[in-house]
Amino acid sequence: MGILRVVHPFPSCLDAVAVVGIAIVAGASPSLAARLGLGMLGIQFAIGSINDVADIVPDSIGKPTKPIPSGFVRRGAALAIAIVSAALGCAAAASVGAGALALAVAGLADGMIYDLRLKRSPLAWAPFAAGVGLLPVYAWWGARGSLPVALVAVAGVAVVAGAALALANAYADVEADTRAGIQSVATLLGPSRTLFVNGLLVAAVDAVAVTATLAVGAAPTVLLALAAGCALALGGLSLAAGKGDRWRPLLWEVQAAGFALAGGAWLAALVSAGVLGGQV
C-alpha cells in the first residue's frame, strides 16, 4: 500500500487516462493511445516518487503518516521506483516518436523543477500549471504529429486550469505547510483568498469551454459531458467547507476530474466541427 501511495496514483492515473482520451479524440488507434498513456503514467509515477523523496523532512513534521516518514517505504526504494518509472515512461513515449519523447522529457523536467526547486515556494503553481498545459500537447502531437493553432489555445486554457488546481492543491496542504514552516502560495494568500482566486480561475475556464463549445455546435451527449465536467469543477469548492485533512484534498481531485471531463467534451466538439483538422 505504501508503494502505491508513493507514486501518487490518483493524479498519475487521471493524467494517463486524460492522455488516452485526448489521443483517441485526435484519431489515434487504441494501441497508439495506450502507448501515449503509458508514457504519461511512467512520467507521473516518477514525479510523484521524487516528490515524496524531496519532502521527507517537511512531511516528517506536517504529514508523518506519508509512506516514507512513516517507514512503509524506504527512501532508496522510492528513488528506484522513480528511476524505473521514468525509464519506462520515456521508452513508451519513444515508441511513438521523437516528438512524443521530447514532450515526455519536457514534462519530466517540469515535474523535477516542481519537486526539487519550487514546490516549497509561492511559485510552485507555475510548473504545476505548465505541466497541465503540456498534457494535451503531448497527447495531440503523439496522435497526429502536428499541432493546430486551436490546440495551442486549448493548451493555454489548460494552463489556467492547472493554476487553479495548483491553488486547490496548496489549499489542501495549508495546515501541514504552516506547521512545517513552508511558504506556499496558500500560506502566503491565506485560505480564503486562495479559494477566491481558485474560484475565479475555475469559472474562467468553464466559461471559455462552454462558450467555445456552443459556438461550434455539439451533440447533446457532448453538451451533457461538458455540463457535468463544469459542474464538478465548480462544485468541488463546496468541499472547502470540510474541516481537517480528510476533505480538503478532495477539492483539487474533484476539480481535476471535472476539468478532464469538460476538456474532453470541448475537444470532441472542436474535432467534430473541423476546428482541429477535421472530423475523425
C-alpha atoms as a PDB file:
ATOM      1  CA  MET A   1       0.000   0.000   0.000  1.00  0.00           C
ATOM      2  CA  GLY A   2       2.873   2.363   0.799  1.00  0.00           C
ATOM      3  CA  ILE A   3       4.443   1.819  -2.634  1.00  0.00           C
ATOM      4  CA  LEU A   4       1.105   2.599  -4.273  1.00  0.00           C
ATOM      5  CA  ARG A   5       0.789   5.830  -2.307  1.00  0.00           C
ATOM      6  CA  VAL A   6       4.328   6.988  -3.092  1.00  0.00           C
ATOM      7  CA  VAL A   7       3.567   7.191  -6.835  1.00  0.00           C
ATOM      8  CA  HIS A   8       0.509   9.396  -6.191  1.00  0.00           C
ATOM      9  CA  PRO A   9      -1.950   7.094  -8.001  1.00  0.00           C
ATOM     10  CA  PHE A  10      -4.909   9.456  -8.426  1.00  0.00           C
ATOM     11  CA  PRO A  11      -3.246  12.334 -10.321  1.00  0.00           C
ATOM     12  CA  SER A  12      -0.934   9.937 -12.161  1.00  0.00           C
ATOM     13  CA  CYS A  13      -3.761   7.728 -13.410  1.00  0.00           C
ATOM     14  CA  LEU A  14      -6.025  10.701 -14.151  1.00  0.00           C
ATOM     15  CA  ASP A  15      -3.325  12.274 -16.331  1.00  0.00           C
ATOM     16  CA  ALA A  16      -2.760   8.987 -18.150  1.00  0.00           C
ATOM     17  CA  VAL A  17      -6.484   8.484 -18.758  1.00  0.00           C
ATOM     18  CA  ALA A  18      -6.785  12.073 -19.995  1.00  0.00           C
ATOM     19  CA  VAL A  19      -3.931  11.482 -22.459  1.00  0.00           C
ATOM     20  CA  VAL A  20      -5.571   8.310 -23.757  1.00  0.00           C
ATOM     21  CA  GLY A  21      -8.891  10.122 -24.162  1.00  0.00           C
ATOM     22  CA  ILE A  22      -7.362  13.109 -25.956  1.00  0.00           C
ATOM     23  CA  ALA A  23      -5.324  10.850 -28.247  1.00  0.00           C
ATOM     24  CA  ILE A  24      -8.426   8.877 -29.212  1.00  0.00           C
ATOM     25  CA  VAL A  25     -10.367  12.087 -29.866  1.00  0.00           C
ATOM     26  CA  ALA A  26      -7.437  13.161 -32.063  1.00  0.00           C
ATOM     27  CA  GLY A  27      -7.800   9.956 -34.079  1.00  0.00           C
ATOM     28  CA  ALA A  28      -5.138   7.691 -32.576  1.00  0.00           C
ATOM     29  CA  SER A  29      -5.580   3.930 -32.691  1.00  0.00           C
ATOM     30  CA  PRO A  30      -6.197   2.211 -29.331  1.00  0.00           C
ATOM     31  CA  SER A  31      -2.638   0.842 -29.296  1.00  0.00           C
ATOM     32  CA  LEU A  32      -1.094   4.235 -30.009  1.00  0.00           C
ATOM     33  CA  ALA A  33      -3.272   5.917 -27.395  1.00  0.00           C
ATOM     34  CA  ALA A  34      -2.288   3.222 -24.884  1.00  0.00           C
ATOM     35  CA  ARG A  35       1.431   3.808 -25.504  1.00  0.00           C
ATOM     36  CA  LEU A  36       0.986   7.530 -25.022  1.00  0.00           C
ATOM     37  CA  GLY A  37      -0.966   6.876 -21.832  1.00  0.00           C
ATOM     38  CA  LEU A  38       1.717   4.507 -20.509  1.00  0.00           C
ATOM     39  CA  GLY A  39       4.334   7.128 -21.256  1.00  0.00           C
ATOM     40  CA  MET A  40       2.445   9.705 -19.219  1.00  0.00           C
ATOM     41  CA  LEU A  41       1.809   7.207 -16.414  1.00  0.00           C
ATOM     42  CA  GLY A  42       5.508   6.397 -16.075  1.00  0.00           C
ATOM     43  CA  ILE A  43       6.482  10.068 -16.072  1.00  0.00           C
ATOM     44  CA  GLN A  44       3.860  10.885 -13.438  1.00  0.00           C
ATOM     45  CA  PHE A  45       4.885   7.926 -11.250  1.00  0.00           C
ATOM     46  CA  ALA A  46       8.464   9.230 -11.345  1.00  0.00           C
ATOM     47  CA  ILE A  47       7.395  12.766 -10.465  1.00  0.00           C
ATOM     48  CA  GLY A  48       5.223  11.504  -7.615  1.00  0.00           C
ATOM     49  CA  SER A  49       8.013   9.361  -6.151  1.00  0.00           C
ATOM     50  CA  ILE A  50      10.602  12.153  -6.275  1.00  0.00           C
ATOM     51  CA  ASN A  51       8.015  14.451  -4.708  1.00  0.00           C
ATOM     52  CA  ASP A  52       7.895  12.241  -1.631  1.00  0.00           C
ATOM     53  CA  VAL A  53      11.682  11.849  -1.514  1.00  0.00           C
ATOM     54  CA  ALA A  54      12.168  15.609  -1.642  1.00  0.00           C
ATOM     55  CA  ASP A  55       9.570  16.152   1.084  1.00  0.00           C
ATOM     56  CA  ILE A  56      10.928  13.738   3.694  1.00  0.00           C
ATOM     57  CA  VAL A  57      11.862  16.462   6.190  1.00  0.00           C
ATOM     58  CA  PRO A  58       8.730  18.669   5.948  1.00  0.00           C
ATOM     59  CA  ASP A  59       6.488  15.576   5.755  1.00  0.00           C
ATOM     60  CA  SER A  60       8.001  14.230   8.975  1.00  0.00           C
ATOM     61  CA  ILE A  61       6.696  17.418  10.625  1.00  0.00           C
ATOM     62  CA  GLY A  62       3.455  18.136   8.795  1.00  0.00           C
ATOM     63  CA  LYS A  63       2.453  14.718   7.362  1.00  0.00           C
ATOM     64  CA  PRO A  64       4.126  11.964   9.388  1.00  0.00           C
ATOM     65  CA  THR A  65       1.735   9.302   8.051  1.00  0.00           C
ATOM     66  CA  LYS A  66       3.029   9.562   4.477  1.00  0.00           C
ATOM     67  CA  PRO A  67       4.844   6.450   3.163  1.00  0.00           C
ATOM     68  CA  ILE A  68       8.484   7.477   3.684  1.00  0.00           C
ATOM     69  CA  PRO A  69       8.258   9.309   7.066  1.00  0.00           C
ATOM     70  CA  SER A  70       6.059   6.509   8.430  1.00  0.00           C
ATOM     71  CA  GLY A  71       8.603   3.881   7.400  1.00  0.00           C
ATOM     72  CA  PHE A  72       6.369   1.986   4.959  1.00  0.00           C
ATOM     73  CA  VAL A  73       8.685   2.833   2.044  1.00  0.00           C
ATOM     74  CA  ARG A  74      12.439   3.385   2.223  1.00  0.00           C
ATOM     75  CA  ARG A  75      13.990   6.417   0.561  1.00  0.00           C
ATOM     76  CA  GLY A  76      16.111   4.167  -1.669  1.00  0.00           C
ATOM     77  CA  ALA A  77      13.065   2.203  -2.806  1.00  0.00           C
ATOM     78  CA  ALA A  78      11.243   5.423  -3.728  1.00  0.00           C
ATOM     79  CA  LEU A  79      14.270   6.567  -5.742  1.00  0.00           C
ATOM     80  CA  ALA A  80      14.399   3.224  -7.534  1.00  0.00           C
ATOM     81  CA  ILE A  81      10.697   3.460  -8.367  1.00  0.00           C
ATOM     82  CA  ALA A  82      11.253   6.944  -9.791  1.00  0.00           C
ATOM     83  CA  ILE A  83      14.177   5.849 -11.991  1.00  0.00           C
ATOM     84  CA  VAL A  84      12.413   2.753 -13.330  1.00  0.00           C
ATOM     85  CA  SER A  85       9.146   4.642 -13.893  1.00  0.00           C
ATOM     86  CA  ALA A  86      10.895   7.463 -15.758  1.00  0.00           C
ATOM     87  CA  ALA A  87      12.774   4.981 -17.947  1.00  0.00           C
ATOM     88  CA  LEU A  88       9.616   3.034 -18.792  1.00  0.00           C
ATOM     89  CA  GLY A  89       7.661   6.220 -19.434  1.00  0.00           C
ATOM     90  CA  CYS A  90      10.301   7.598 -21.784  1.00  0.00           C
ATOM     91  CA  ALA A  91      10.567   4.241 -23.556  1.00  0.00           C
ATOM     92  CA  ALA A  92       6.797   4.166 -24.150  1.00  0.00           C
ATOM     93  CA  ALA A  93       6.874   7.735 -25.484  1.00  0.00           C
ATOM     94  CA  ALA A  94       9.891   6.952 -27.677  1.00  0.00           C
ATOM     95  CA  SER A  95       7.967   4.058 -29.239  1.00  0.00           C
ATOM     96  CA  VAL A  96       5.555   6.705 -30.592  1.00  0.00           C
ATOM     97  CA  GLY A  97       8.215   9.009 -31.999  1.00  0.00           C
ATOM     98  CA  ALA A  98      10.889  11.593 -31.295  1.00  0.00           C
ATOM     99  CA  GLY A  99       8.359  14.373 -30.784  1.00  0.00           C
ATOM    100  CA  ALA A 100       6.423  12.438 -28.148  1.00  0.00           C
ATOM    101  CA  LEU A 101       9.686  11.559 -26.389  1.00  0.00           C
ATOM    102  CA  ALA A 102      10.811  15.197 -26.367  1.00  0.00           C
ATOM    103  CA  LEU A 103       7.496  16.283 -24.863  1.00  0.00           C
ATOM    104  CA  ALA A 104       7.631  13.486 -22.283  1.00  0.00           C
ATOM    105  CA  VAL A 105      11.128  14.550 -21.249  1.00  0.00           C
ATOM    106  CA  ALA A 106       9.936  18.160 -21.041  1.00  0.00           C
ATOM    107  CA  GLY A 107       7.114  17.042 -18.757  1.00  0.00           C
ATOM    108  CA  LEU A 108       9.545  15.074 -16.598  1.00  0.00           C
ATOM    109  CA  ALA A 109      11.871  18.077 -16.341  1.00  0.00           C
ATOM    110  CA  ASP A 110       8.944  20.312 -15.414  1.00  0.00           C
ATOM    111  CA  GLY A 111       7.962  17.867 -12.670  1.00  0.00           C
ATOM    112  CA  MET A 112      11.511  17.751 -11.321  1.00  0.00           C
ATOM    113  CA  ILE A 113      11.634  21.549 -11.180  1.00  0.00           C
ATOM    114  CA  TYR A 114       8.405  21.456  -9.178  1.00  0.00           C
ATOM    115  CA  ASP A 115       9.583  18.681  -6.841  1.00  0.00           C
ATOM    116  CA  LEU A 116      13.161  19.791  -6.229  1.00  0.00           C
ATOM    117  CA  ARG A 117      13.122  23.574  -6.566  1.00  0.00           C
ATOM    118  CA  LEU A 118       9.774  25.306  -6.427  1.00  0.00           C
ATOM    119  CA  LYS A 119       7.298  23.131  -4.552  1.00  0.00           C
ATOM    120  CA  ARG A 120       8.062  24.726  -1.206  1.00  0.00           C
ATOM    121  CA  SER A 121       7.754  28.269  -2.540  1.00  0.00           C
ATOM    122  CA  PRO A 122       4.949  30.620  -3.621  1.00  0.00           C
ATOM    123  CA  LEU A 123       5.991  29.931  -7.253  1.00  0.00           C
ATOM    124  CA  ALA A 124       5.052  26.244  -7.081  1.00  0.00           C
ATOM    125  CA  TRP A 125       1.915  26.928  -9.107  1.00  0.00           C
ATOM    126  CA  ALA A 126       3.975  27.791 -12.226  1.00  0.00           C
ATOM    127  CA  PRO A 127       5.434  24.340 -13.057  1.00  0.00           C
ATOM    128  CA  PHE A 128       2.175  22.745 -11.888  1.00  0.00           C
ATOM    129  CA  ALA A 129       0.211  24.855 -14.372  1.00  0.00           C
ATOM    130  CA  ALA A 130       2.767  24.303 -17.142  1.00  0.00           C
ATOM    131  CA  GLY A 131       2.542  20.544 -16.670  1.00  0.00           C
ATOM    132  CA  VAL A 132      -1.231  20.567 -17.096  1.00  0.00           C
ATOM    133  CA  GLY A 133      -0.882  22.700 -20.214  1.00  0.00           C
ATOM    134  CA  LEU A 134       1.668  20.293 -21.658  1.00  0.00           C
ATOM    135  CA  LEU A 135      -0.656  17.308 -21.296  1.00  0.00           C
ATOM    136  CA  PRO A 136      -2.954  17.985 -24.311  1.00  0.00           C
ATOM    137  CA  VAL A 137       0.070  18.997 -26.418  1.00  0.00           C
ATOM    138  CA  TYR A 138       1.794  15.662 -25.677  1.00  0.00           C
ATOM    139  CA  ALA A 139      -1.353  13.651 -26.411  1.00  0.00           C
ATOM    140  CA  TRP A 140      -2.263  15.511 -29.607  1.00  0.00           C
ATOM    141  CA  TRP A 141       1.247  15.604 -31.053  1.00  0.00           C
ATOM    142  CA  GLY A 142       1.681  11.921 -30.265  1.00  0.00           C
ATOM    143  CA  ALA A 143      -1.567  11.095 -32.036  1.00  0.00           C
ATOM    144  CA  ARG A 144      -1.222  13.302 -35.126  1.00  0.00           C
ATOM    145  CA  GLY A 145       2.359  14.516 -35.310  1.00  0.00           C
ATOM    146  CA  SER A 146       1.195  18.122 -35.658  1.00  0.00           C
ATOM    147  CA  LEU A 147      -0.225  20.903 -33.523  1.00  0.00           C
ATOM    148  CA  PRO A 148      -3.019  23.117 -34.915  1.00  0.00           C
ATOM    149  CA  VAL A 149      -3.326  26.682 -33.678  1.00  0.00           C
ATOM    150  CA  ALA A 150      -6.634  25.928 -31.978  1.00  0.00           C
ATOM    151  CA  LEU A 151      -4.963  23.195 -29.914  1.00  0.00           C
ATOM    152  CA  VAL A 152      -2.376  25.724 -28.719  1.00  0.00           C
ATOM    153  CA  ALA A 153      -5.284  27.848 -27.487  1.00  0.00           C
ATOM    154  CA  VAL A 154      -6.751  24.814 -25.703  1.00  0.00           C
ATOM    155  CA  ALA A 155      -3.372  24.216 -24.068  1.00  0.00           C
ATOM    156  CA  GLY A 156      -3.370  27.848 -22.897  1.00  0.00           C
ATOM    157  CA  VAL A 157      -6.713  27.330 -21.190  1.00  0.00           C
ATOM    158  CA  ALA A 158      -5.303  24.122 -19.676  1.00  0.00           C
ATOM    159  CA  VAL A 159      -2.504  26.198 -18.126  1.00  0.00           C
ATOM    160  CA  VAL A 160      -5.133  28.358 -16.404  1.00  0.00           C
ATOM    161  CA  ALA A 161      -6.877  25.189 -15.215  1.00  0.00           C
ATOM    162  CA  GLY A 162      -3.525  23.961 -13.917  1.00  0.00           C
ATOM    163  CA  ALA A 163      -3.048  27.181 -11.965  1.00  0.00           C
ATOM    164  CA  ALA A 164      -6.480  26.664 -10.387  1.00  0.00           C
ATOM    165  CA  LEU A 165      -5.567  23.085  -9.456  1.00  0.00           C
ATOM    166  CA  ALA A 166      -2.243  24.261  -8.021  1.00  0.00           C
ATOM    167  CA  LEU A 167      -4.115  26.624  -5.706  1.00  0.00           C
ATOM    168  CA  ALA A 168      -6.536  23.881  -4.684  1.00  0.00           C
ATOM    169  CA  ASN A 169      -3.633  21.518  -4.043  1.00  0.00           C
ATOM    170  CA  ALA A 170      -1.834  24.145  -1.954  1.00  0.00           C
ATOM    171  CA  TYR A 171      -5.051  24.806  -0.039  1.00  0.00           C
ATOM    172  CA  ALA A 172      -5.273  21.105   0.831  1.00  0.00           C
ATOM    173  CA  ASP A 173      -1.830  21.308   2.455  1.00  0.00           C
ATOM    174  CA  VAL A 174      -2.156  24.731   4.066  1.00  0.00           C
ATOM    175  CA  GLU A 175      -2.242  23.496   7.675  1.00  0.00           C
ATOM    176  CA  ALA A 176       0.597  20.983   7.219  1.00  0.00           C
ATOM    177  CA  ASP A 177       2.701  23.558   5.370  1.00  0.00           C
ATOM    178  CA  THR A 178       2.103  26.072   8.126  1.00  0.00           C
ATOM    179  CA  ARG A 179       3.278  23.563  10.736  1.00  0.00           C
ATOM    180  CA  ALA A 180       6.381  22.759   8.666  1.00  0.00           C
ATOM    181  CA  GLY A 181       7.196  26.428   8.049  1.00  0.00           C
ATOM    182  CA  ILE A 182       6.697  26.184   4.277  1.00  0.00           C
ATOM    183  CA  GLN A 183       5.664  29.369   2.478  1.00  0.00           C
ATOM    184  CA  SER A 184       3.348  28.094  -0.238  1.00  0.00           C
ATOM    185  CA  VAL A 185       1.013  30.207  -2.325  1.00  0.00           C
ATOM    186  CA  ALA A 186      -1.817  29.188   0.028  1.00  0.00           C
ATOM    187  CA  THR A 187       0.039  30.172   3.213  1.00  0.00           C
ATOM    188  CA  LEU A 188       1.018  33.442   1.510  1.00  0.00           C
ATOM    189  CA  LEU A 189      -2.513  34.323   0.335  1.00  0.00           C
ATOM    190  CA  GLY A 190      -4.357  32.741   3.230  1.00  0.00           C
ATOM    191  CA  PRO A 191      -7.085  30.078   2.881  1.00  0.00           C
ATOM    192  CA  SER A 192      -9.947  32.457   1.996  1.00  0.00           C
ATOM    193  CA  ARG A 193      -8.106  34.330  -0.739  1.00  0.00           C
ATOM    194  CA  THR A 194      -6.705  31.087  -2.111  1.00  0.00           C
ATOM    195  CA  LEU A 195     -10.226  29.732  -2.542  1.00  0.00           C
ATOM    196  CA  PHE A 196     -11.423  33.024  -4.027  1.00  0.00           C
ATOM    197  CA  VAL A 197      -8.712  33.063  -6.716  1.00  0.00           C
ATOM    198  CA  ASN A 198      -9.259  29.365  -7.361  1.00  0.00           C
ATOM    199  CA  GLY A 199     -12.973  30.005  -7.906  1.00  0.00           C
ATOM    200  CA  LEU A 200     -12.266  32.840 -10.343  1.00  0.00           C
ATOM    201  CA  LEU A 201      -9.907  30.682 -12.387  1.00  0.00           C
ATOM    202  CA  VAL A 202     -12.307  27.735 -12.443  1.00  0.00           C
ATOM    203  CA  ALA A 203     -15.161  29.993 -13.540  1.00  0.00           C
ATOM    204  CA  ALA A 204     -12.983  31.468 -16.308  1.00  0.00           C
ATOM    205  CA  VAL A 205     -12.002  28.032 -17.635  1.00  0.00           C
ATOM    206  CA  ASP A 206     -15.599  26.800 -17.542  1.00  0.00           C
ATOM    207  CA  ALA A 207     -16.814  29.956 -19.318  1.00  0.00           C
ATOM    208  CA  VAL A 208     -14.289  29.589 -22.148  1.00  0.00           C
ATOM    209  CA  ALA A 209     -15.024  25.895 -22.633  1.00  0.00           C
ATOM    210  CA  VAL A 210     -18.805  26.408 -22.677  1.00  0.00           C
ATOM    211  CA  THR A 211     -18.657  29.451 -24.963  1.00  0.00           C
ATOM    212  CA  ALA A 212     -16.322  27.772 -27.451  1.00  0.00           C
ATOM    213  CA  THR A 213     -18.352  24.560 -27.489  1.00  0.00           C
ATOM    214  CA  LEU A 214     -21.643  26.366 -28.046  1.00  0.00           C
ATOM    215  CA  ALA A 215     -20.040  28.471 -30.782  1.00  0.00           C
ATOM    216  CA  VAL A 216     -19.048  25.442 -32.874  1.00  0.00           C
ATOM    217  CA  GLY A 217     -22.109  23.359 -32.034  1.00  0.00           C
ATOM    218  CA  ALA A 218     -22.074  19.980 -30.317  1.00  0.00           C
ATOM    219  CA  ALA A 219     -24.102  16.805 -29.934  1.00  0.00           C
ATOM    220  CA  PRO A 220     -26.354  16.531 -26.862  1.00  0.00           C
ATOM    221  CA  THR A 221     -24.094  13.884 -25.300  1.00  0.00           C
ATOM    222  CA  VAL A 222     -21.093  16.193 -25.634  1.00  0.00           C
ATOM    223  CA  LEU A 223     -23.014  19.073 -24.082  1.00  0.00           C
ATOM    224  CA  LEU A 224     -24.090  16.807 -21.220  1.00  0.00           C
ATOM    225  CA  ALA A 225     -20.496  15.748 -20.561  1.00  0.00           C
ATOM    226  CA  LEU A 226     -19.365  19.375 -20.718  1.00  0.00           C
ATOM    227  CA  ALA A 227     -22.045  20.456 -18.247  1.00  0.00           C
ATOM    228  CA  ALA A 228     -21.147  17.627 -15.868  1.00  0.00           C
ATOM    229  CA  GLY A 229     -17.453  18.489 -16.014  1.00  0.00           C
ATOM    230  CA  CYS A 230     -18.024  22.189 -15.413  1.00  0.00           C
ATOM    231  CA  ALA A 231     -20.366  21.410 -12.517  1.00  0.00           C
ATOM    232  CA  LEU A 232     -17.775  19.133 -10.929  1.00  0.00           C
ATOM    233  CA  ALA A 233     -15.028  21.733 -11.261  1.00  0.00           C
ATOM    234  CA  LEU A 234     -17.101  24.477  -9.661  1.00  0.00           C
ATOM    235  CA  GLY A 235     -18.956  22.207  -7.249  1.00  0.00           C
ATOM    236  CA  GLY A 236     -15.675  20.987  -5.814  1.00  0.00           C
ATOM    237  CA  LEU A 237     -15.385  24.289  -3.968  1.00  0.00           C
ATOM    238  CA  SER A 238     -18.132  23.110  -1.622  1.00  0.00           C
ATOM    239  CA  LEU A 239     -15.643  20.609  -0.199  1.00  0.00           C
ATOM    240  CA  ALA A 240     -13.634  23.510   1.204  1.00  0.00           C
ATOM    241  CA  ALA A 241     -16.223  23.696   3.972  1.00  0.00           C
ATOM    242  CA  GLY A 242     -14.972  20.358   5.275  1.00  0.00           C
ATOM    243  CA  LYS A 243     -12.577  20.596   8.181  1.00  0.00           C
ATOM    244  CA  GLY A 244      -9.334  18.713   8.534  1.00  0.00           C
ATOM    245  CA  ASP A 245      -7.069  16.751   6.218  1.00  0.00           C
ATOM    246  CA  ARG A 246      -9.778  14.305   5.130  1.00  0.00           C
ATOM    247  CA  TRP A 247     -11.852  16.675   2.992  1.00  0.00           C
ATOM    248  CA  ARG A 248      -9.508  19.373   1.727  1.00  0.00           C
ATOM    249  CA  PRO A 249      -7.524  17.095  -0.652  1.00  0.00           C
ATOM    250  CA  LEU A 250     -10.779  16.154  -2.354  1.00  0.00           C
ATOM    251  CA  LEU A 251     -11.204  19.750  -3.552  1.00  0.00           C
ATOM    252  CA  TRP A 252      -8.442  19.597  -6.137  1.00  0.00           C
ATOM    253  CA  GLU A 253      -9.160  15.957  -7.000  1.00  0.00           C
ATOM    254  CA  VAL A 254     -12.805  16.699  -7.825  1.00  0.00           C
ATOM    255  CA  GLN A 255     -11.811  19.803  -9.766  1.00  0.00           C
ATOM    256  CA  ALA A 256      -9.196  17.823 -11.705  1.00  0.00           C
ATOM    257  CA  ALA A 257     -11.783  15.196 -12.667  1.00  0.00           C
ATOM    258  CA  GLY A 258     -14.181  17.959 -13.698  1.00  0.00           C
ATOM    259  CA  PHE A 259     -11.579  19.680 -15.870  1.00  0.00           C
ATOM    260  CA  ALA A 260     -10.675  16.370 -17.531  1.00  0.00           C
ATOM    261  CA  LEU A 261     -14.310  15.634 -18.391  1.00  0.00           C
ATOM    262  CA  ALA A 262     -15.087  19.158 -19.596  1.00  0.00           C
ATOM    263  CA  GLY A 263     -11.846  19.352 -21.568  1.00  0.00           C
ATOM    264  CA  GLY A 264     -12.535  16.068 -23.308  1.00  0.00           C
ATOM    265  CA  ALA A 265     -16.020  17.212 -24.291  1.00  0.00           C
ATOM    266  CA  TRP A 266     -14.682  20.528 -25.563  1.00  0.00           C
ATOM    267  CA  LEU A 267     -12.038  18.813 -27.696  1.00  0.00           C
ATOM    268  CA  ALA A 268     -14.602  16.381 -29.096  1.00  0.00           C
ATOM    269  CA  ALA A 269     -16.785  19.323 -30.150  1.00  0.00           C
ATOM    270  CA  LEU A 270     -13.839  21.091 -31.811  1.00  0.00           C
ATOM    271  CA  VAL A 271     -12.836  17.958 -33.708  1.00  0.00           C
ATOM    272  CA  SER A 272     -16.396  17.298 -34.888  1.00  0.00           C
ATOM    273  CA  ALA A 273     -16.632  20.879 -36.122  1.00  0.00           C
ATOM    274  CA  GLY A 274     -13.373  20.561 -38.058  1.00  0.00           C
ATOM    275  CA  VAL A 275     -11.628  23.232 -35.989  1.00  0.00           C
ATOM    276  CA  LEU A 276      -8.767  20.885 -35.118  1.00  0.00           C
ATOM    277  CA  GLY A 277      -8.125  19.430 -38.520  1.00  0.00           C
ATOM    278  CA  GLY A 278     -11.313  17.683 -39.477  1.00  0.00           C
ATOM    279  CA  GLN A 279     -13.625  15.039 -38.119  1.00  0.00           C
ATOM    280  CA  VAL A 280     -12.083  11.625 -37.441  1.00  0.00           C
END
